Amino acid sequence: MTRILLTTFFATASTAALAGGHAAPMVMASDQSVANGIVSAEKIVAPENGWLVVHRTDADMAPGVVVGHAPIRKGETADVAAILTEEVAAGDMLMLMVHAENGGMATGSFEYTLGAKEDGPIRVDGNLVMSVITAQ
């Protein structure tokens, strides 16, 4: 079963999605095999340069430990692949989230740890820009 979950603000996309001619920030991803050590997002729309960050999650839908990341550009990007840095098993839930590239010591180095402000999550109207998938 393919699930695509978008942040709650996407539900109001008809009125806010194309402000200034730009699509609303989002992550589009589907359940997928992680046997190759990679998790992919089909499409990302980011308000600034940053990172696609792969967090562990569960039924509570809270972001957990980071298990992978990949750089992303401002705007729309297709087929973004993040290399997994920890083992992920079939059935594990993963949260693919957009993080900013700011606040750290070095531009271009992913410096986020849970709860830190450096390279932290991007929020739109208080909502995380993310999608949750299940590893196959």
N, C-alpha and C. Protein backbone atom coordinates (compact mmCIF):
# COMPACT_ATOMS: atom_id res chain seq x y z
N MET A 1 0.85 -1.18 0.00
CA MET A 1 0.00 0.00 0.00
C MET A 1 0.89 1.23 0.00
N THR A 2 0.58 2.15 -0.85
CA THR A 2 1.35 3.39 -0.92
C THR A 2 0.62 4.46 -0.14
N ARG A 3 1.37 5.10 0.77
CA ARG A 3 0.78 6.20 1.53
C ARG A 3 1.59 7.44 1.25
N ILE A 4 0.91 8.51 1.04
CA ILE A 4 1.58 9.79 0.91
C ILE A 4 0.96 10.71 1.94
N LEU A 5 1.78 11.11 2.91
CA LEU A 5 1.30 12.00 3.95
C LEU A 5 2.00 13.33 3.79
N LEU A 6 1.26 14.38 3.80
CA LEU A 6 1.82 15.72 3.69
C LEU A 6 1.43 16.50 4.92
N THR A 7 2.15 17.55 5.19
CA THR A 7 1.83 18.35 6.36
C THR A 7 0.42 18.89 6.26
N THR A 8 -0.17 19.19 7.40
CA THR A 8 -1.57 19.59 7.43
C THR A 8 -1.85 20.87 6.66
N PHE A 9 -0.85 21.71 6.52
CA PHE A 9 -1.10 22.94 5.77
C PHE A 9 -1.40 22.64 4.32
N PHE A 10 -1.00 21.49 3.81
CA PHE A 10 -1.23 21.17 2.41
C PHE A 10 -2.72 21.06 2.12
N ALA A 11 -3.51 20.78 3.13
CA ALA A 11 -4.95 20.69 2.94
C ALA A 11 -5.55 22.03 2.52
N THR A 12 -4.88 23.11 2.87
CA THR A 12 -5.36 24.42 2.48
C THR A 12 -4.59 24.96 1.29
N ALA A 13 -3.97 24.07 0.54
CA ALA A 13 -3.12 24.47 -0.57
C ALA A 13 -3.85 25.28 -1.64
N SER A 14 -5.15 25.05 -1.77
CA SER A 14 -5.88 25.75 -2.82
C SER A 14 -5.84 27.26 -2.65
N THR A 15 -5.67 27.74 -1.43
CA THR A 15 -5.62 29.18 -1.22
C THR A 15 -4.21 29.70 -1.00
N ALA A 16 -3.30 28.83 -0.57
CA ALA A 16 -1.97 29.33 -0.23
C ALA A 16 -0.83 28.70 -1.02
N ALA A 17 -1.10 27.69 -1.81
CA ALA A 17 -0.04 26.92 -2.44
C ALA A 17 0.85 27.72 -3.36
N LEU A 18 0.28 28.63 -4.09
CA LEU A 18 1.07 29.31 -5.10
C LEU A 18 1.30 30.78 -4.78
N ALA A 19 1.50 31.09 -3.53
CA ALA A 19 1.79 32.47 -3.15
C ALA A 19 3.06 32.92 -3.85
N GLY A 20 2.97 33.99 -4.59
CA GLY A 20 4.12 34.51 -5.31
C GLY A 20 4.57 33.58 -6.43
N GLY A 21 3.71 32.66 -6.89
CA GLY A 21 4.08 31.78 -7.98
C GLY A 21 4.91 30.57 -7.55
N HIS A 22 5.03 30.32 -6.25
CA HIS A 22 5.82 29.20 -5.75
C HIS A 22 4.91 28.17 -5.11
N ALA A 23 5.22 26.91 -5.32
CA ALA A 23 4.43 25.83 -4.71
C ALA A 23 4.70 25.79 -3.21
N ALA A 24 3.74 25.28 -2.47
CA ALA A 24 3.87 25.15 -1.02
C ALA A 24 4.96 24.13 -0.68
N PRO A 25 5.72 24.36 0.36
CA PRO A 25 6.74 23.38 0.78
C PRO A 25 6.10 22.03 1.08
N MET A 26 6.77 20.96 0.65
CA MET A 26 6.22 19.62 0.80
C MET A 26 7.29 18.57 0.59
N VAL A 27 6.98 17.36 1.05
CA VAL A 27 7.76 16.16 0.75
C VAL A 27 6.77 15.12 0.25
N MET A 28 7.03 14.57 -0.93
CA MET A 28 6.19 13.49 -1.46
C MET A 28 7.05 12.23 -1.50
N ALA A 29 6.62 11.20 -0.79
CA ALA A 29 7.36 9.94 -0.75
C ALA A 29 6.38 8.80 -0.54
N SER A 30 6.78 7.61 -0.96
CA SER A 30 5.96 6.42 -0.87
C SER A 30 6.70 5.34 -0.09
N ASP A 31 5.94 4.38 0.43
CA ASP A 31 6.57 3.22 1.05
C ASP A 31 7.52 2.61 0.02
N GLN A 32 8.68 2.13 0.50
CA GLN A 32 9.70 1.64 -0.43
C GLN A 32 10.66 0.69 0.25
N SER A 33 11.35 -0.10 -0.58
CA SER A 33 12.39 -0.99 -0.10
C SER A 33 13.60 -0.15 0.33
N VAL A 34 14.23 -0.57 1.42
CA VAL A 34 15.46 0.08 1.88
C VAL A 34 16.64 -0.87 1.78
N ALA A 35 16.46 -1.98 1.04
CA ALA A 35 17.48 -3.00 0.92
C ALA A 35 18.78 -2.45 0.33
N ASN A 36 18.69 -1.39 -0.48
CA ASN A 36 19.88 -0.81 -1.09
C ASN A 36 20.53 0.27 -0.21
N GLY A 37 20.00 0.48 1.00
CA GLY A 37 20.60 1.45 1.92
C GLY A 37 20.25 2.90 1.61
N ILE A 38 19.21 3.11 0.82
CA ILE A 38 18.81 4.45 0.40
C ILE A 38 17.31 4.62 0.61
N VAL A 39 16.90 5.83 1.01
CA VAL A 39 15.49 6.22 1.06
C VAL A 39 15.34 7.40 0.11
N SER A 40 14.30 7.37 -0.72
CA SER A 40 14.10 8.42 -1.72
C SER A 40 12.78 9.16 -1.52
N ALA A 41 12.82 10.44 -1.81
CA ALA A 41 11.60 11.26 -1.91
C ALA A 41 11.36 11.50 -3.39
N GLU A 42 10.13 11.31 -3.82
CA GLU A 42 9.79 11.50 -5.22
C GLU A 42 9.86 12.98 -5.62
N LYS A 43 9.47 13.85 -4.67
CA LYS A 43 9.45 15.29 -4.95
C LYS A 43 9.57 16.04 -3.64
N ILE A 44 10.35 17.10 -3.66
CA ILE A 44 10.47 18.00 -2.51
C ILE A 44 10.34 19.42 -3.01
N VAL A 45 9.58 20.21 -2.29
CA VAL A 45 9.53 21.66 -2.53
C VAL A 45 10.01 22.30 -1.23
N ALA A 46 11.12 23.03 -1.32
CA ALA A 46 11.74 23.63 -0.14
C ALA A 46 11.81 25.15 -0.28
N PRO A 47 11.52 25.88 0.80
CA PRO A 47 11.55 27.33 0.75
C PRO A 47 12.98 27.91 0.77
N GLU A 48 13.97 27.06 1.05
CA GLU A 48 15.37 27.50 1.09
C GLU A 48 16.26 26.27 0.93
N ASN A 49 17.55 26.50 0.68
CA ASN A 49 18.50 25.39 0.62
C ASN A 49 18.52 24.69 1.96
N GLY A 50 18.72 23.39 1.95
CA GLY A 50 18.74 22.67 3.22
C GLY A 50 19.00 21.20 3.04
N TRP A 51 18.22 20.40 3.76
CA TRP A 51 18.45 18.97 3.84
C TRP A 51 17.14 18.19 3.82
N LEU A 52 17.15 17.05 3.17
CA LEU A 52 16.13 16.03 3.38
C LEU A 52 16.69 15.18 4.50
N VAL A 53 15.99 15.12 5.62
CA VAL A 53 16.46 14.37 6.78
C VAL A 53 15.50 13.22 7.04
N VAL A 54 16.07 12.03 7.24
CA VAL A 54 15.28 10.83 7.49
C VAL A 54 15.36 10.52 8.99
N HIS A 55 14.22 10.63 9.65
CA HIS A 55 14.11 10.34 11.08
C HIS A 55 13.38 9.01 11.26
N ARG A 56 13.72 8.28 12.31
CA ARG A 56 12.88 7.17 12.73
C ARG A 56 11.61 7.79 13.34
N THR A 57 10.50 7.08 13.25
CA THR A 57 9.27 7.49 13.90
C THR A 57 8.46 6.24 14.22
N ASP A 58 7.29 6.45 14.81
CA ASP A 58 6.39 5.33 15.14
C ASP A 58 4.97 5.84 15.06
N ALA A 59 4.04 5.11 15.62
CA ALA A 59 2.63 5.47 15.55
C ALA A 59 2.32 6.83 16.17
N ASP A 60 3.18 7.30 17.08
CA ASP A 60 2.99 8.62 17.69
C ASP A 60 3.35 9.75 16.73
N MET A 61 4.03 9.44 15.63
CA MET A 61 4.42 10.40 14.59
C MET A 61 5.34 11.51 15.10
N ALA A 62 6.14 11.23 16.11
CA ALA A 62 7.13 12.19 16.60
C ALA A 62 8.46 11.87 15.93
N PRO A 63 9.20 12.90 15.46
CA PRO A 63 10.49 12.62 14.85
C PRO A 63 11.46 12.05 15.88
N GLY A 64 12.16 11.01 15.47
CA GLY A 64 13.14 10.37 16.34
C GLY A 64 14.55 10.54 15.80
N VAL A 65 15.39 9.58 16.08
CA VAL A 65 16.79 9.61 15.70
C VAL A 65 16.94 9.78 14.19
N VAL A 66 17.93 10.56 13.78
CA VAL A 66 18.24 10.74 12.36
C VAL A 66 18.99 9.52 11.85
N VAL A 67 18.50 8.93 10.74
CA VAL A 67 19.14 7.75 10.17
C VAL A 67 19.61 7.98 8.73
N GLY A 68 19.54 9.22 8.27
CA GLY A 68 20.02 9.55 6.93
C GLY A 68 19.70 10.99 6.58
N HIS A 69 20.43 11.53 5.60
CA HIS A 69 20.16 12.89 5.12
C HIS A 69 20.78 13.09 3.74
N ALA A 70 20.28 14.09 3.04
CA ALA A 70 20.80 14.46 1.72
C ALA A 70 20.58 15.95 1.52
N PRO A 71 21.48 16.64 0.83
CA PRO A 71 21.29 18.07 0.56
C PRO A 71 20.17 18.29 -0.45
N ILE A 72 19.45 19.40 -0.28
CA ILE A 72 18.41 19.79 -1.24
C ILE A 72 18.55 21.27 -1.54
N ARG A 73 18.05 21.65 -2.70
CA ARG A 73 18.07 23.05 -3.13
C ARG A 73 16.72 23.71 -2.89
N LYS A 74 16.77 25.03 -2.79
CA LYS A 74 15.54 25.82 -2.71
C LYS A 74 14.74 25.55 -3.97
N GLY A 75 13.42 25.44 -3.80
CA GLY A 75 12.54 25.19 -4.94
C GLY A 75 12.14 23.73 -5.02
N GLU A 76 11.80 23.30 -6.22
CA GLU A 76 11.31 21.94 -6.44
C GLU A 76 12.45 21.04 -6.93
N THR A 77 12.56 19.88 -6.30
CA THR A 77 13.56 18.89 -6.69
C THR A 77 12.88 17.53 -6.76
N ALA A 78 13.20 16.76 -7.79
CA ALA A 78 12.64 15.42 -7.95
C ALA A 78 13.69 14.36 -7.61
N ASP A 79 13.23 13.23 -7.11
CA ASP A 79 14.06 12.04 -6.87
C ASP A 79 15.29 12.35 -6.01
N VAL A 80 15.04 12.71 -4.77
CA VAL A 80 16.12 12.98 -3.81
C VAL A 80 16.39 11.71 -3.02
N ALA A 81 17.64 11.24 -3.03
CA ALA A 81 18.02 10.00 -2.36
C ALA A 81 18.91 10.31 -1.16
N ALA A 82 18.53 9.78 0.00
CA ALA A 82 19.33 9.93 1.22
C ALA A 82 19.94 8.57 1.57
N ILE A 83 21.25 8.55 1.78
CA ILE A 83 21.92 7.32 2.19
C ILE A 83 21.66 7.08 3.67
N LEU A 84 21.24 5.87 3.99
CA LEU A 84 20.96 5.53 5.39
C LEU A 84 22.28 5.30 6.14
N THR A 85 22.36 5.86 7.33
CA THR A 85 23.57 5.74 8.15
C THR A 85 23.39 4.73 9.27
N GLU A 86 22.18 4.16 9.38
CA GLU A 86 21.88 3.11 10.36
C GLU A 86 21.02 2.06 9.68
N GLU A 87 21.01 0.88 10.27
CA GLU A 87 20.16 -0.19 9.75
C GLU A 87 18.69 0.19 9.89
N VAL A 88 17.94 -0.05 8.84
CA VAL A 88 16.48 0.13 8.84
C VAL A 88 15.89 -1.16 8.33
N ALA A 89 14.93 -1.70 9.06
CA ALA A 89 14.32 -2.98 8.70
C ALA A 89 12.97 -2.77 8.05
N ALA A 90 12.56 -3.74 7.27
CA ALA A 90 11.22 -3.71 6.69
C ALA A 90 10.21 -3.57 7.82
N GLY A 91 9.24 -2.69 7.64
CA GLY A 91 8.23 -2.43 8.66
C GLY A 91 8.52 -1.21 9.51
N ASP A 92 9.78 -0.73 9.51
CA ASP A 92 10.13 0.48 10.26
C ASP A 92 9.46 1.69 9.61
N MET A 93 8.97 2.60 10.43
CA MET A 93 8.39 3.85 9.94
C MET A 93 9.47 4.92 9.91
N LEU A 94 9.50 5.67 8.81
CA LEU A 94 10.49 6.73 8.62
C LEU A 94 9.79 8.03 8.29
N MET A 95 10.27 9.12 8.87
CA MET A 95 9.75 10.45 8.62
C MET A 95 10.78 11.19 7.77
N LEU A 96 10.40 11.55 6.55
CA LEU A 96 11.27 12.31 5.66
C LEU A 96 10.89 13.77 5.81
N MET A 97 11.84 14.58 6.27
CA MET A 97 11.55 15.96 6.68
C MET A 97 12.52 16.94 6.03
N VAL A 98 12.01 18.14 5.76
CA VAL A 98 12.85 19.22 5.23
C VAL A 98 13.44 20.01 6.39
N HIS A 99 14.76 20.12 6.39
CA HIS A 99 15.49 20.92 7.37
C HIS A 99 16.19 22.07 6.65
N ALA A 100 16.47 23.14 7.37
CA ALA A 100 17.17 24.30 6.82
C ALA A 100 18.68 24.08 6.87
N GLU A 101 19.39 24.88 6.13
CA GLU A 101 20.85 24.93 6.19
C GLU A 101 21.20 26.27 6.85
N ASN A 102 21.12 26.30 8.17
CA ASN A 102 21.46 27.55 8.86
C ASN A 102 21.74 27.31 10.33
N GLY A 103 22.44 28.25 10.91
CA GLY A 103 22.70 28.22 12.34
C GLY A 103 23.87 27.38 12.77
N GLY A 104 24.47 26.65 11.87
CA GLY A 104 25.59 25.79 12.25
C GLY A 104 26.93 26.48 12.11
N MET A 105 27.97 25.71 12.33
CA MET A 105 29.34 26.22 12.25
C MET A 105 29.86 26.26 10.82
N ALA A 106 29.33 25.40 9.93
CA ALA A 106 29.86 25.31 8.57
C ALA A 106 28.73 25.10 7.57
N THR A 107 28.66 25.97 6.59
CA THR A 107 27.68 25.81 5.52
C THR A 107 28.03 24.55 4.73
N GLY A 108 27.02 23.77 4.42
CA GLY A 108 27.23 22.55 3.64
C GLY A 108 27.53 21.32 4.47
N SER A 109 27.58 21.47 5.79
CA SER A 109 27.77 20.33 6.69
C SER A 109 26.50 20.16 7.52
N PHE A 110 25.95 18.96 7.50
CA PHE A 110 24.73 18.70 8.26
C PHE A 110 25.10 18.59 9.73
N GLU A 111 24.55 19.50 10.56
CA GLU A 111 24.97 19.60 11.96
C GLU A 111 23.84 19.37 12.96
N TYR A 112 22.70 18.94 12.51
CA TYR A 112 21.55 18.79 13.40
C TYR A 112 21.65 17.55 14.27
N THR A 113 21.27 17.69 15.51
CA THR A 113 21.00 16.57 16.41
C THR A 113 19.64 16.83 17.03
N LEU A 114 18.94 15.81 17.50
CA LEU A 114 17.58 15.99 18.02
C LEU A 114 17.50 17.14 19.02
N GLY A 115 16.60 18.07 18.75
CA GLY A 115 16.37 19.19 19.63
C GLY A 115 17.26 20.40 19.38
N ALA A 116 18.28 20.26 18.54
CA ALA A 116 19.19 21.38 18.27
C ALA A 116 18.55 22.38 17.32
N LYS A 117 19.07 23.57 17.29
CA LYS A 117 18.58 24.60 16.38
C LYS A 117 19.38 24.60 15.07
N GLU A 118 20.64 24.15 15.11
CA GLU A 118 21.47 24.12 13.91
C GLU A 118 20.87 23.18 12.87
N ASP A 119 20.70 23.71 11.66
CA ASP A 119 20.15 22.92 10.55
C ASP A 119 18.83 22.25 10.93
N GLY A 120 18.03 22.95 11.70
CA GLY A 120 16.78 22.39 12.22
C GLY A 120 15.65 22.32 11.22
N PRO A 121 14.55 21.70 11.62
CA PRO A 121 13.39 21.53 10.75
C PRO A 121 12.78 22.85 10.32
N ILE A 122 12.27 22.86 9.10
CA ILE A 122 11.52 24.00 8.59
C ILE A 122 10.05 23.77 8.92
N ARG A 123 9.40 24.80 9.39
CA ARG A 123 7.97 24.74 9.71
C ARG A 123 7.24 25.78 8.88
N VAL A 124 6.04 25.44 8.48
CA VAL A 124 5.15 26.37 7.78
C VAL A 124 3.88 26.44 8.61
N ASP A 125 3.55 27.61 9.09
CA ASP A 125 2.39 27.79 9.95
C ASP A 125 2.44 26.84 11.14
N GLY A 126 3.65 26.61 11.68
CA GLY A 126 3.84 25.76 12.84
C GLY A 126 3.91 24.27 12.54
N ASN A 127 3.72 23.87 11.30
CA ASN A 127 3.71 22.46 10.91
C ASN A 127 5.03 22.06 10.26
N LEU A 128 5.53 20.88 10.62
CA LEU A 128 6.73 20.35 9.99
C LEU A 128 6.43 20.04 8.52
N VAL A 129 7.42 20.22 7.66
CA VAL A 129 7.30 19.86 6.25
C VAL A 129 7.87 18.44 6.15
N MET A 130 6.99 17.45 6.04
CA MET A 130 7.44 16.06 6.11
C MET A 130 6.42 15.10 5.50
N SER A 131 6.88 13.85 5.36
CA SER A 131 6.04 12.74 4.93
C SER A 131 6.51 11.50 5.68
N VAL A 132 5.59 10.62 6.03
CA VAL A 132 5.94 9.40 6.75
C VAL A 132 5.73 8.21 5.82
N ILE A 133 6.73 7.32 5.79
CA ILE A 133 6.63 6.12 4.96
C ILE A 133 6.96 4.90 5.84
N THR A 134 6.67 3.73 5.28
CA THR A 134 7.06 2.48 5.93
C THR A 134 8.07 1.78 5.04
N ALA A 135 9.19 1.38 5.64
CA ALA A 135 10.22 0.65 4.90
C ALA A 135 9.68 -0.72 4.51
N GLN A 136 9.99 -1.15 3.31
CA GLN A 136 9.53 -2.47 2.81
C GLN A 136 10.66 -3.47 2.80
